[in-house]
């Protein structure tokens, strides 16, 4: 987390009105987007009144317990506050859907797939290797993070980081061009970074919205 971001969050935690106005202006669109896309994934029309209610609910949730969720954010391993708030918004929307439709079959795995897809879409391409993840994580944590990947992502992770195959060999094995390989690798590394950071925050285990 950069010093400027740290100072900004501290101002918000101190309930500085100007900082909160900036916080709301900066992240409102992100929260609306995360809520709307999650509703659409489950065939629920993102009506303006529902979007507004859920948007406000997310902000109220962030303020609960003396801004507990915001205090938990540490910005480790390159995780940005926007990514963290996107996960909170998704899980809050999933909770709403469960209450609205008790018969809705929605497992934790389904929720994680939504989170993964949103993070993959939101994250910029990574420019770093996997050292941020492999160097510092415990074996248990690493296995947990890898378990959150889709099967094809785990296979790619195995070939790149464990088997250490060349880009040309991997491209031939999965039948893609070398350029396409690098696109997939960058997305994978960025996703690993985000999952590692969210694991540090405790979000991938039980969900920010379900912490008690």
Foldseek 3Di string as FASTA:
>chain_A
DDPVVVVLLVCVLVVPVVSVVVVCVVQLVLLLVLLCVLCVVVVHHPDPVNSVVLSVVLVVLCPPPSSVLSVLADCPLNADPSLSSSQQSNVSSVVVVCVVPVPDDADLLNSLVSSLVVQLVPDDFDDDDLCSPVVPDDPVLVVVLLVSDDPVLNVLCCVCPVVVDDLVVVCVVVVHDSVVSSRSNRSSSSSSSNSSSVVSSVCSPQHPNPDD
